[in-house]
Amino acid sequence: MRALVLLALMATPAAAFTPPVPGPAEVTRTEILSPDSTTLPIGPQTVEGREGAITRTAWRITPPDGFTTLSLVQPIRAALTEGGWTLVYDCETDGCGGFDFRFGLDLFPEPEMHVDLGDFRWLTARKEAAWLGIMVSRSPERGFLQVTEIAPGGAPLPTTPAPMPDGGSEFEEGSVPLDVAFPTGGGALAPDQPGLAPLRDWLDADAARGVILVGHTDSSGGREANIALSRQRAAAVRDWLVAQGIAADRIDVEGVGPLAPRATNRTEEGRTLNRRVEAMAR
């Protein structure tokens, strides 16, 4: 089992924290906001506002078979304790508050940070004047982790996350909305899809490339039905790519329903924008 090395548990209050994880991991997004403010849960239905230099970093992890969110969070807990951090709040899914808890947090959107609403864990930790908020979740094959670090004052934390690949396509740099349109309640695609040609050509240029497709819906209808529909939309794009000669095992499919809107659901224009599929290199 290959694990990331635990680094940077320094003695100063503003020390960065790099979490240990079981298996290869890549940074999907990082940002530094200084100064800024956010909220951190410190107990059941209890949050506190924090100000300072805020660093957010998300990772996508490829753990060994049989992994769980508990197996992902246990080494992080141990590293925090060893590094002198105090665990202020430690909760799991329903104990955290489920849906409402997750959407009260400042997390990156899909697919940079995926949160399974039925399987996630949260840690809040403190070390002198510095604070950490850590979200751990999973998809069937991958783990997802976001660390929010809050340092007092306005100086950014000395965090040095693993770099994103240099150069390359927009698909390697973040989540890209694809040029396809779906009717309300619909998940099928016509054979002629010129808007998908850039993604097909990018995959066709290198057999080692893979992609994650994440389907989305507007807010019309029930949440569970919309999540199923969003996955159907992502699967329709996958099927189109497979028909174009791209191997199916190079394409992962996820669906998040209405949980990550791009626009308001109060107008037809906004609902149309929210019925989409986004792509990102895996």
C-alpha atoms as a PDB file:
ATOM      1  CA  MET A   1       0.000   0.000   0.000  1.00  0.00           C
ATOM      2  CA  ARG A   2       1.454   3.296  -1.107  1.00  0.00           C
ATOM      3  CA  ALA A   3       0.582   6.314   1.067  1.00  0.00           C
ATOM      4  CA  LEU A   4       1.269   9.982   0.891  1.00  0.00           C
ATOM      5  CA  VAL A   5       3.908  11.058   3.357  1.00  0.00           C
ATOM      6  CA  LEU A   6       2.713  13.196   6.238  1.00  0.00           C
ATOM      7  CA  LEU A   7       4.432  16.571   6.047  1.00  0.00           C
ATOM      8  CA  ALA A   8       4.386  19.997   7.593  1.00  0.00           C
ATOM      9  CA  LEU A   9       3.069  19.338  11.095  1.00  0.00           C
ATOM     10  CA  MET A  10       5.050  22.295  12.357  1.00  0.00           C
ATOM     11  CA  ALA A  11       5.106  23.875  15.770  1.00  0.00           C
ATOM     12  CA  THR A  12       3.764  27.299  14.811  1.00  0.00           C
ATOM     13  CA  PRO A  13       0.039  28.054  15.067  1.00  0.00           C
ATOM     14  CA  ALA A  14      -0.193  28.790  11.348  1.00  0.00           C
ATOM     15  CA  ALA A  15       1.427  25.515  10.321  1.00  0.00           C
ATOM     16  CA  ALA A  16      -0.024  23.833   7.256  1.00  0.00           C
ATOM     17  CA  PHE A  17      -1.471  20.322   7.517  1.00  0.00           C
ATOM     18  CA  THR A  18      -1.005  17.782   4.749  1.00  0.00           C
ATOM     19  CA  PRO A  19      -3.227  14.751   5.455  1.00  0.00           C
ATOM     20  CA  PRO A  20      -1.906  11.202   5.153  1.00  0.00           C
ATOM     21  CA  VAL A  21      -4.021   9.035   2.866  1.00  0.00           C
ATOM     22  CA  PRO A  22      -3.870   5.351   1.841  1.00  0.00           C
ATOM     23  CA  GLY A  23      -2.962   5.243  -1.824  1.00  0.00           C
ATOM     24  CA  PRO A  24      -2.135   7.672  -4.641  1.00  0.00           C
ATOM     25  CA  ALA A  25      -3.814  11.079  -4.483  1.00  0.00           C
ATOM     26  CA  GLU A  26      -3.975  14.175  -6.657  1.00  0.00           C
ATOM     27  CA  VAL A  27      -4.994  17.719  -5.895  1.00  0.00           C
ATOM     28  CA  THR A  28      -8.180  18.625  -7.766  1.00  0.00           C
ATOM     29  CA  ARG A  29      -8.313  22.254  -6.634  1.00  0.00           C
ATOM     30  CA  THR A  30      -6.675  24.629  -4.191  1.00  0.00           C
ATOM     31  CA  GLU A  31      -7.254  28.279  -3.298  1.00  0.00           C
ATOM     32  CA  ILE A  32      -5.930  30.806  -0.803  1.00  0.00           C
ATOM     33  CA  LEU A  33      -8.117  33.671   0.383  1.00  0.00           C
ATOM     34  CA  SER A  34      -6.422  36.205   2.633  1.00  0.00           C
ATOM     35  CA  PRO A  35      -8.007  37.642   4.568  1.00  0.00           C
ATOM     36  CA  ASP A  36     -11.444  36.028   4.472  1.00  0.00           C
ATOM     37  CA  SER A  37     -14.009  34.429   6.759  1.00  0.00           C
ATOM     38  CA  THR A  38     -15.820  31.105   6.978  1.00  0.00           C
ATOM     39  CA  THR A  39     -17.743  29.017   9.483  1.00  0.00           C
ATOM     40  CA  LEU A  40     -16.703  25.765  11.139  1.00  0.00           C
ATOM     41  CA  PRO A  41     -18.936  23.258  12.926  1.00  0.00           C
ATOM     42  CA  ILE A  42     -17.818  22.824  16.563  1.00  0.00           C
ATOM     43  CA  GLY A  43     -20.650  20.578  17.737  1.00  0.00           C
ATOM     44  CA  PRO A  44     -24.103  19.247  16.779  1.00  0.00           C
ATOM     45  CA  GLN A  45     -25.995  22.123  15.104  1.00  0.00           C
ATOM     46  CA  THR A  46     -23.338  24.552  16.370  1.00  0.00           C
ATOM     47  CA  VAL A  47     -21.044  26.610  14.133  1.00  0.00           C
ATOM     48  CA  GLU A  48     -18.629  29.469  14.743  1.00  0.00           C
ATOM     49  CA  GLY A  49     -17.338  32.097  12.351  1.00  0.00           C
ATOM     50  CA  ARG A  50     -13.573  32.313  11.795  1.00  0.00           C
ATOM     51  CA  GLU A  51     -11.451  34.960  10.093  1.00  0.00           C
ATOM     52  CA  GLY A  52      -7.907  34.894   8.775  1.00  0.00           C
ATOM     53  CA  ALA A  53      -5.925  33.458   5.890  1.00  0.00           C
ATOM     54  CA  ILE A  54      -8.048  30.622   4.530  1.00  0.00           C
ATOM     55  CA  THR A  55      -6.543  27.849   2.426  1.00  0.00           C
ATOM     56  CA  ARG A  56      -8.785  25.206   0.860  1.00  0.00           C
ATOM     57  CA  THR A  57      -7.346  22.135  -0.829  1.00  0.00           C
ATOM     58  CA  ALA A  58      -9.208  19.130  -2.237  1.00  0.00           C
ATOM     59  CA  TRP A  59      -7.779  15.730  -3.146  1.00  0.00           C
ATOM     60  CA  ARG A  60      -9.076  12.787  -5.149  1.00  0.00           C
ATOM     61  CA  ILE A  61      -7.680   9.518  -3.753  1.00  0.00           C
ATOM     62  CA  THR A  62      -7.351   6.030  -5.243  1.00  0.00           C
ATOM     63  CA  PRO A  63      -7.349   3.824  -2.116  1.00  0.00           C
ATOM     64  CA  PRO A  64      -6.933   0.040  -1.950  1.00  0.00           C
ATOM     65  CA  ASP A  65      -9.943  -2.233  -2.481  1.00  0.00           C
ATOM     66  CA  GLY A  66     -12.327  -2.436   0.438  1.00  0.00           C
ATOM     67  CA  PHE A  67     -11.711   1.124   1.650  1.00  0.00           C
ATOM     68  CA  THR A  68     -14.263   3.040   3.733  1.00  0.00           C
ATOM     69  CA  THR A  69     -14.574   6.614   4.894  1.00  0.00           C
ATOM     70  CA  LEU A  70     -13.477   5.381   8.323  1.00  0.00           C
ATOM     71  CA  SER A  71     -10.290   3.879   6.862  1.00  0.00           C
ATOM     72  CA  LEU A  72      -9.614   7.255   5.218  1.00  0.00           C
ATOM     73  CA  VAL A  73     -10.236   9.362   8.310  1.00  0.00           C
ATOM     74  CA  GLN A  74      -8.428   7.218  10.908  1.00  0.00           C
ATOM     75  CA  PRO A  75      -4.844   8.104   9.817  1.00  0.00           C
ATOM     76  CA  ILE A  76      -5.867  11.754   9.608  1.00  0.00           C
ATOM     77  CA  ARG A  77      -7.116  11.690  13.206  1.00  0.00           C
ATOM     78  CA  ALA A  78      -3.886  10.078  14.332  1.00  0.00           C
ATOM     79  CA  ALA A  79      -1.768  12.633  12.454  1.00  0.00           C
ATOM     80  CA  LEU A  80      -3.672  15.515  13.995  1.00  0.00           C
ATOM     81  CA  THR A  81      -3.134  14.165  17.497  1.00  0.00           C
ATOM     82  CA  GLU A  82       0.553  13.522  16.844  1.00  0.00           C
ATOM     83  CA  GLY A  83       0.934  17.022  15.426  1.00  0.00           C
ATOM     84  CA  GLY A  84      -0.479  18.712  18.509  1.00  0.00           C
ATOM     85  CA  TRP A  85      -3.939  19.469  17.151  1.00  0.00           C
ATOM     86  CA  THR A  86      -6.996  19.127  19.399  1.00  0.00           C
ATOM     87  CA  LEU A  87     -10.083  17.478  17.903  1.00  0.00           C
ATOM     88  CA  VAL A  88     -12.978  19.825  18.599  1.00  0.00           C
ATOM     89  CA  TYR A  89     -15.674  17.992  16.626  1.00  0.00           C
ATOM     90  CA  ASP A  90     -15.673  14.541  15.018  1.00  0.00           C
ATOM     91  CA  CYS A  91     -18.887  13.305  13.367  1.00  0.00           C
ATOM     92  CA  GLU A  92     -20.226  10.917  10.741  1.00  0.00           C
ATOM     93  CA  THR A  93     -23.097  11.434   8.225  1.00  0.00           C
ATOM     94  CA  ASP A  94     -26.385  11.415  10.184  1.00  0.00           C
ATOM     95  CA  GLY A  95     -24.601  12.345  13.401  1.00  0.00           C
ATOM     96  CA  CYS A  96     -23.274  15.443  11.640  1.00  0.00           C
ATOM     97  CA  GLY A  97     -26.671  16.446  10.310  1.00  0.00           C
ATOM     98  CA  GLY A  98     -26.803  14.863   6.842  1.00  0.00           C
ATOM     99  CA  PHE A  99     -27.948  17.023   3.932  1.00  0.00           C
ATOM    100  CA  ASP A 100     -28.235  20.297   5.843  1.00  0.00           C
ATOM    101  CA  PHE A 101     -24.782  19.882   7.401  1.00  0.00           C
ATOM    102  CA  ARG A 102     -23.021  19.275   4.088  1.00  0.00           C
ATOM    103  CA  PHE A 103     -24.633  22.265   2.358  1.00  0.00           C
ATOM    104  CA  GLY A 104     -23.756  24.560   5.232  1.00  0.00           C
ATOM    105  CA  LEU A 105     -20.054  24.029   4.514  1.00  0.00           C
ATOM    106  CA  ASP A 106     -17.725  25.942   2.183  1.00  0.00           C
ATOM    107  CA  LEU A 107     -16.756  23.018  -0.052  1.00  0.00           C
ATOM    108  CA  PHE A 108     -15.648  22.938  -3.662  1.00  0.00           C
ATOM    109  CA  PRO A 109     -18.371  21.794  -6.102  1.00  0.00           C
ATOM    110  CA  GLU A 110     -18.505  18.523  -8.016  1.00  0.00           C
ATOM    111  CA  PRO A 111     -16.414  16.925  -9.358  1.00  0.00           C
ATOM    112  CA  GLU A 112     -13.461  18.609  -7.587  1.00  0.00           C
ATOM    113  CA  MET A 113     -14.970  17.637  -4.237  1.00  0.00           C
ATOM    114  CA  HIS A 114     -17.536  14.838  -4.206  1.00  0.00           C
ATOM    115  CA  VAL A 115     -19.641  14.269  -1.091  1.00  0.00           C
ATOM    116  CA  ASP A 116     -21.859  11.189  -0.827  1.00  0.00           C
ATOM    117  CA  LEU A 117     -24.731  12.407   1.347  1.00  0.00           C
ATOM    118  CA  GLY A 118     -25.045   8.916   2.803  1.00  0.00           C
ATOM    119  CA  ASP A 119     -21.368   8.427   3.676  1.00  0.00           C
ATOM    120  CA  PHE A 120     -19.134  11.248   4.851  1.00  0.00           C
ATOM    121  CA  ARG A 121     -17.109  12.237   7.916  1.00  0.00           C
ATOM    122  CA  TRP A 122     -16.113  15.623   9.303  1.00  0.00           C
ATOM    123  CA  LEU A 123     -13.328  16.762  11.651  1.00  0.00           C
ATOM    124  CA  THR A 124     -12.816  20.192  13.224  1.00  0.00           C
ATOM    125  CA  ALA A 125      -9.431  20.644  14.898  1.00  0.00           C
ATOM    126  CA  ARG A 126      -7.637  23.480  16.685  1.00  0.00           C
ATOM    127  CA  LYS A 127      -4.003  24.231  17.388  1.00  0.00           C
ATOM    128  CA  GLU A 128      -3.525  27.433  19.355  1.00  0.00           C
ATOM    129  CA  ALA A 129      -5.067  30.111  17.078  1.00  0.00           C
ATOM    130  CA  ALA A 130      -5.149  27.964  13.932  1.00  0.00           C
ATOM    131  CA  TRP A 131      -8.189  25.884  12.885  1.00  0.00           C
ATOM    132  CA  LEU A 132      -8.811  23.012  10.478  1.00  0.00           C
ATOM    133  CA  GLY A 133     -12.006  21.695   8.910  1.00  0.00           C
ATOM    134  CA  ILE A 134     -11.701  18.328   7.162  1.00  0.00           C
ATOM    135  CA  MET A 135     -14.343  16.603   5.017  1.00  0.00           C
ATOM    136  CA  VAL A 136     -13.877  12.974   3.924  1.00  0.00           C
ATOM    137  CA  SER A 137     -16.245  11.179   1.545  1.00  0.00           C
ATOM    138  CA  ARG A 138     -16.181   8.642  -1.271  1.00  0.00           C
ATOM    139  CA  SER A 139     -17.552   7.333  -4.527  1.00  0.00           C
ATOM    140  CA  PRO A 140     -17.600   3.580  -5.235  1.00  0.00           C
ATOM    141  CA  GLU A 141     -13.972   3.636  -6.441  1.00  0.00           C
ATOM    142  CA  ARG A 142     -12.360   6.799  -5.044  1.00  0.00           C
ATOM    143  CA  GLY A 143     -11.995   8.779  -1.870  1.00  0.00           C
ATOM    144  CA  PHE A 144     -12.471  12.548  -1.703  1.00  0.00           C
ATOM    145  CA  LEU A 145     -10.949  14.893   0.851  1.00  0.00           C
ATOM    146  CA  GLN A 146     -11.040  18.635   1.450  1.00  0.00           C
ATOM    147  CA  VAL A 147      -8.993  20.452   4.079  1.00  0.00           C
ATOM    148  CA  THR A 148      -9.874  24.018   5.075  1.00  0.00           C
ATOM    149  CA  GLU A 149      -7.103  25.735   7.043  1.00  0.00           C
ATOM    150  CA  ILE A 150      -7.645  29.015   8.886  1.00  0.00           C
ATOM    151  CA  ALA A 151      -4.587  30.898  10.083  1.00  0.00           C
ATOM    152  CA  PRO A 152      -4.885  33.985  12.286  1.00  0.00           C
ATOM    153  CA  GLY A 153      -4.157  37.324  10.678  1.00  0.00           C
ATOM    154  CA  GLY A 154      -3.857  37.837   6.965  1.00  0.00           C
ATOM    155  CA  ALA A 155      -0.728  35.931   5.941  1.00  0.00           C
ATOM    156  CA  PRO A 156      -1.388  32.871   3.784  1.00  0.00           C
ATOM    157  CA  LEU A 157      -0.511  29.474   5.178  1.00  0.00           C
ATOM    158  CA  PRO A 158       2.721  27.942   3.829  1.00  0.00           C
ATOM    159  CA  THR A 159       0.878  25.118   2.100  1.00  0.00           C
ATOM    160  CA  THR A 160       2.575  23.362  -0.826  1.00  0.00           C
ATOM    161  CA  PRO A 161       0.059  20.876  -2.276  1.00  0.00           C
ATOM    162  CA  ALA A 162       0.963  18.541  -5.106  1.00  0.00           C
ATOM    163  CA  PRO A 163       0.907  20.500  -8.383  1.00  0.00           C
ATOM    164  CA  MET A 164      -1.662  20.021 -11.091  1.00  0.00           C
ATOM    165  CA  PRO A 165      -0.286  18.729 -14.408  1.00  0.00           C
ATOM    166  CA  ASP A 166       1.350  21.445 -16.517  1.00  0.00           C
ATOM    167  CA  GLY A 167      -0.326  22.473 -19.735  1.00  0.00           C
ATOM    168  CA  GLY A 168      -2.825  20.214 -21.449  1.00  0.00           C
ATOM    169  CA  SER A 169      -6.516  20.566 -22.073  1.00  0.00           C
ATOM    170  CA  GLU A 170      -9.162  22.435 -20.116  1.00  0.00           C
ATOM    171  CA  PHE A 171     -10.391  19.009 -18.998  1.00  0.00           C
ATOM    172  CA  GLU A 172      -7.173  18.643 -16.971  1.00  0.00           C
ATOM    173  CA  GLU A 173      -7.644  21.952 -15.183  1.00  0.00           C
ATOM    174  CA  GLY A 174     -11.115  21.660 -13.706  1.00  0.00           C
ATOM    175  CA  SER A 175     -14.730  20.788 -14.323  1.00  0.00           C
ATOM    176  CA  VAL A 176     -15.910  21.680 -17.840  1.00  0.00           C
ATOM    177  CA  PRO A 177     -19.630  21.946 -18.725  1.00  0.00           C
ATOM    178  CA  LEU A 178     -20.204  20.041 -21.966  1.00  0.00           C
ATOM    179  CA  ASP A 179     -22.111  21.509 -24.892  1.00  0.00           C
ATOM    180  CA  VAL A 180     -25.144  19.236 -24.694  1.00  0.00           C
ATOM    181  CA  ALA A 181     -28.723  20.096 -23.798  1.00  0.00           C
ATOM    182  CA  PHE A 182     -31.350  18.010 -22.032  1.00  0.00           C
ATOM    183  CA  PRO A 183     -35.105  18.657 -21.816  1.00  0.00           C
ATOM    184  CA  THR A 184     -36.829  18.708 -18.431  1.00  0.00           C
ATOM    185  CA  GLY A 185     -37.007  15.118 -17.208  1.00  0.00           C
ATOM    186  CA  GLY A 186     -35.023  13.839 -20.191  1.00  0.00           C
ATOM    187  CA  GLY A 187     -31.751  11.928 -20.248  1.00  0.00           C
ATOM    188  CA  ALA A 188     -31.330  10.802 -23.863  1.00  0.00           C
ATOM    189  CA  LEU A 189     -28.949  12.202 -26.482  1.00  0.00           C
ATOM    190  CA  ALA A 190     -29.328  12.346 -30.254  1.00  0.00           C
ATOM    191  CA  PRO A 191     -26.524  10.654 -32.244  1.00  0.00           C
ATOM    192  CA  ASP A 192     -25.290  13.961 -33.712  1.00  0.00           C
ATOM    193  CA  GLN A 193     -23.434  15.783 -30.902  1.00  0.00           C
ATOM    194  CA  PRO A 194     -20.837  18.212 -32.313  1.00  0.00           C
ATOM    195  CA  GLY A 195     -20.471  19.799 -28.862  1.00  0.00           C
ATOM    196  CA  LEU A 196     -18.905  16.568 -27.566  1.00  0.00           C
ATOM    197  CA  ALA A 197     -16.249  16.417 -30.287  1.00  0.00           C
ATOM    198  CA  PRO A 198     -13.557  18.265 -28.210  1.00  0.00           C
ATOM    199  CA  LEU A 199     -13.869  15.728 -25.395  1.00  0.00           C
ATOM    200  CA  ARG A 200     -13.822  12.805 -27.835  1.00  0.00           C
ATOM    201  CA  ASP A 201     -10.756  14.183 -29.618  1.00  0.00           C
ATOM    202  CA  TRP A 202      -8.935  14.797 -26.328  1.00  0.00           C
ATOM    203  CA  LEU A 203      -9.556  11.207 -25.212  1.00  0.00           C
ATOM    204  CA  ASP A 204      -8.729   9.824 -28.659  1.00  0.00           C
ATOM    205  CA  ALA A 205      -5.340  11.596 -28.665  1.00  0.00           C
ATOM    206  CA  ASP A 206      -3.970   9.556 -25.733  1.00  0.00           C
ATOM    207  CA  ALA A 207      -5.198   6.116 -24.680  1.00  0.00           C
ATOM    208  CA  ALA A 208      -3.913   6.736 -21.135  1.00  0.00           C
ATOM    209  CA  ARG A 209      -6.404   9.559 -20.572  1.00  0.00           C
ATOM    210  CA  GLY A 210      -9.631   9.063 -18.647  1.00  0.00           C
ATOM    211  CA  VAL A 211     -12.540  11.273 -17.725  1.00  0.00           C
ATOM    212  CA  ILE A 212     -15.130  11.673 -14.979  1.00  0.00           C
ATOM    213  CA  LEU A 213     -18.591  12.651 -16.200  1.00  0.00           C
ATOM    214  CA  VAL A 214     -20.912  14.233 -13.633  1.00  0.00           C
ATOM    215  CA  GLY A 215     -24.580  14.678 -14.480  1.00  0.00           C
ATOM    216  CA  HIS A 216     -26.753  17.469 -13.072  1.00  0.00           C
ATOM    217  CA  THR A 217     -30.454  18.395 -13.050  1.00  0.00           C
ATOM    218  CA  ASP A 218     -32.563  21.403 -12.212  1.00  0.00           C
ATOM    219  CA  SER A 219     -34.599  21.360  -9.009  1.00  0.00           C
ATOM    220  CA  SER A 220     -37.880  20.168 -10.561  1.00  0.00           C
ATOM    221  CA  GLY A 221     -39.041  16.899  -9.020  1.00  0.00           C
ATOM    222  CA  GLY A 222     -37.798  14.783  -6.125  1.00  0.00           C
ATOM    223  CA  ARG A 223     -34.154  14.638  -5.078  1.00  0.00           C
ATOM    224  CA  GLU A 224     -33.671  10.871  -5.434  1.00  0.00           C
ATOM    225  CA  ALA A 225     -35.314  10.813  -8.866  1.00  0.00           C
ATOM    226  CA  ASN A 226     -33.153  13.743  -9.955  1.00  0.00           C
ATOM    227  CA  ILE A 227     -29.959  12.043  -8.799  1.00  0.00           C
ATOM    228  CA  ALA A 228     -30.914   8.970 -10.854  1.00  0.00           C
ATOM    229  CA  LEU A 229     -31.727  11.210 -13.848  1.00  0.00           C
ATOM    230  CA  SER A 230     -28.428  13.069 -13.536  1.00  0.00           C
ATOM    231  CA  ARG A 231     -26.528   9.787 -13.627  1.00  0.00           C
ATOM    232  CA  GLN A 232     -28.576   8.778 -16.681  1.00  0.00           C
ATOM    233  CA  ARG A 233     -27.453  11.990 -18.407  1.00  0.00           C
ATOM    234  CA  ALA A 234     -23.808  11.323 -17.642  1.00  0.00           C
ATOM    235  CA  ALA A 235     -24.258   7.729 -18.850  1.00  0.00           C
ATOM    236  CA  ALA A 236     -25.771   9.025 -22.118  1.00  0.00           C
ATOM    237  CA  VAL A 237     -22.599  11.040 -22.749  1.00  0.00           C
ATOM    238  CA  ARG A 238     -20.477   7.992 -21.894  1.00  0.00           C
ATOM    239  CA  ASP A 239     -22.503   5.852 -24.335  1.00  0.00           C
ATOM    240  CA  TRP A 240     -21.991   8.465 -27.060  1.00  0.00           C
ATOM    241  CA  LEU A 241     -18.236   8.433 -26.458  1.00  0.00           C
ATOM    242  CA  VAL A 242     -18.162   4.624 -26.495  1.00  0.00           C
ATOM    243  CA  ALA A 243     -20.022   4.660 -29.825  1.00  0.00           C
ATOM    244  CA  GLN A 244     -17.259   6.970 -31.059  1.00  0.00           C
ATOM    245  CA  GLY A 245     -14.618   4.363 -30.199  1.00  0.00           C
ATOM    246  CA  ILE A 246     -13.576   5.398 -26.648  1.00  0.00           C
ATOM    247  CA  ALA A 247     -13.197   2.426 -24.277  1.00  0.00           C
ATOM    248  CA  ALA A 248     -15.857   2.383 -21.545  1.00  0.00           C
ATOM    249  CA  ASP A 249     -13.305   1.653 -18.785  1.00  0.00           C
ATOM    250  CA  ARG A 250     -11.758   5.090 -19.408  1.00  0.00           C
ATOM    251  CA  ILE A 251     -14.983   6.852 -18.381  1.00  0.00           C
ATOM    252  CA  ASP A 252     -16.397   7.190 -14.852  1.00  0.00           C
ATOM    253  CA  VAL A 253     -20.007   8.265 -14.374  1.00  0.00           C
ATOM    254  CA  GLU A 254     -21.449  10.155 -11.395  1.00  0.00           C
ATOM    255  CA  GLY A 255     -24.753  11.941 -10.768  1.00  0.00           C
ATOM    256  CA  VAL A 256     -25.509  14.652  -8.211  1.00  0.00           C
ATOM    257  CA  GLY A 257     -29.018  15.730  -9.239  1.00  0.00           C
ATOM    258  CA  PRO A 258     -29.832  19.343  -8.264  1.00  0.00           C
ATOM    259  CA  LEU A 259     -27.146  19.627  -5.578  1.00  0.00           C
ATOM    260  CA  ALA A 260     -24.633  21.749  -7.530  1.00  0.00           C
ATOM    261  CA  PRO A 261     -26.557  24.312  -9.609  1.00  0.00           C
ATOM    262  CA  ARG A 262     -24.749  26.738 -11.933  1.00  0.00           C
ATOM    263  CA  ALA A 263     -27.647  29.178 -12.045  1.00  0.00           C
ATOM    264  CA  THR A 264     -30.946  29.990 -10.355  1.00  0.00           C
ATOM    265  CA  ASN A 265     -33.747  27.445 -10.676  1.00  0.00           C
ATOM    266  CA  ARG A 266     -36.314  30.252 -10.576  1.00  0.00           C
ATOM    267  CA  THR A 267     -36.116  30.932 -14.325  1.00  0.00           C
ATOM    268  CA  GLU A 268     -36.304  28.670 -17.364  1.00  0.00           C
ATOM    269  CA  GLU A 269     -32.927  29.983 -18.546  1.00  0.00           C
ATOM    270  CA  GLY A 270     -31.349  29.020 -15.227  1.00  0.00           C
ATOM    271  CA  ARG A 271     -32.994  25.587 -15.182  1.00  0.00           C
ATOM    272  CA  THR A 272     -31.690  24.944 -18.715  1.00  0.00           C
ATOM    273  CA  LEU A 273     -28.128  25.746 -17.589  1.00  0.00           C
ATOM    274  CA  ASN A 274     -28.507  23.396 -14.632  1.00  0.00           C
ATOM    275  CA  ARG A 275     -29.530  20.432 -16.831  1.00  0.00           C
ATOM    276  CA  ARG A 276     -26.014  19.525 -17.880  1.00  0.00           C
ATOM    277  CA  VAL A 277     -23.068  17.129 -17.797  1.00  0.00           C
ATOM    278  CA  GLU A 278     -19.590  18.272 -16.712  1.00  0.00           C
ATOM    279  CA  ALA A 279     -16.291  16.559 -17.538  1.00  0.00           C
ATOM    280  CA  MET A 280     -12.946  16.469 -15.791  1.00  0.00           C
ATOM    281  CA  ALA A 281      -9.788  14.432 -16.308  1.00  0.00           C
ATOM    282  CA  ARG A 282      -9.440  11.596 -13.827  1.00  0.00           C
END
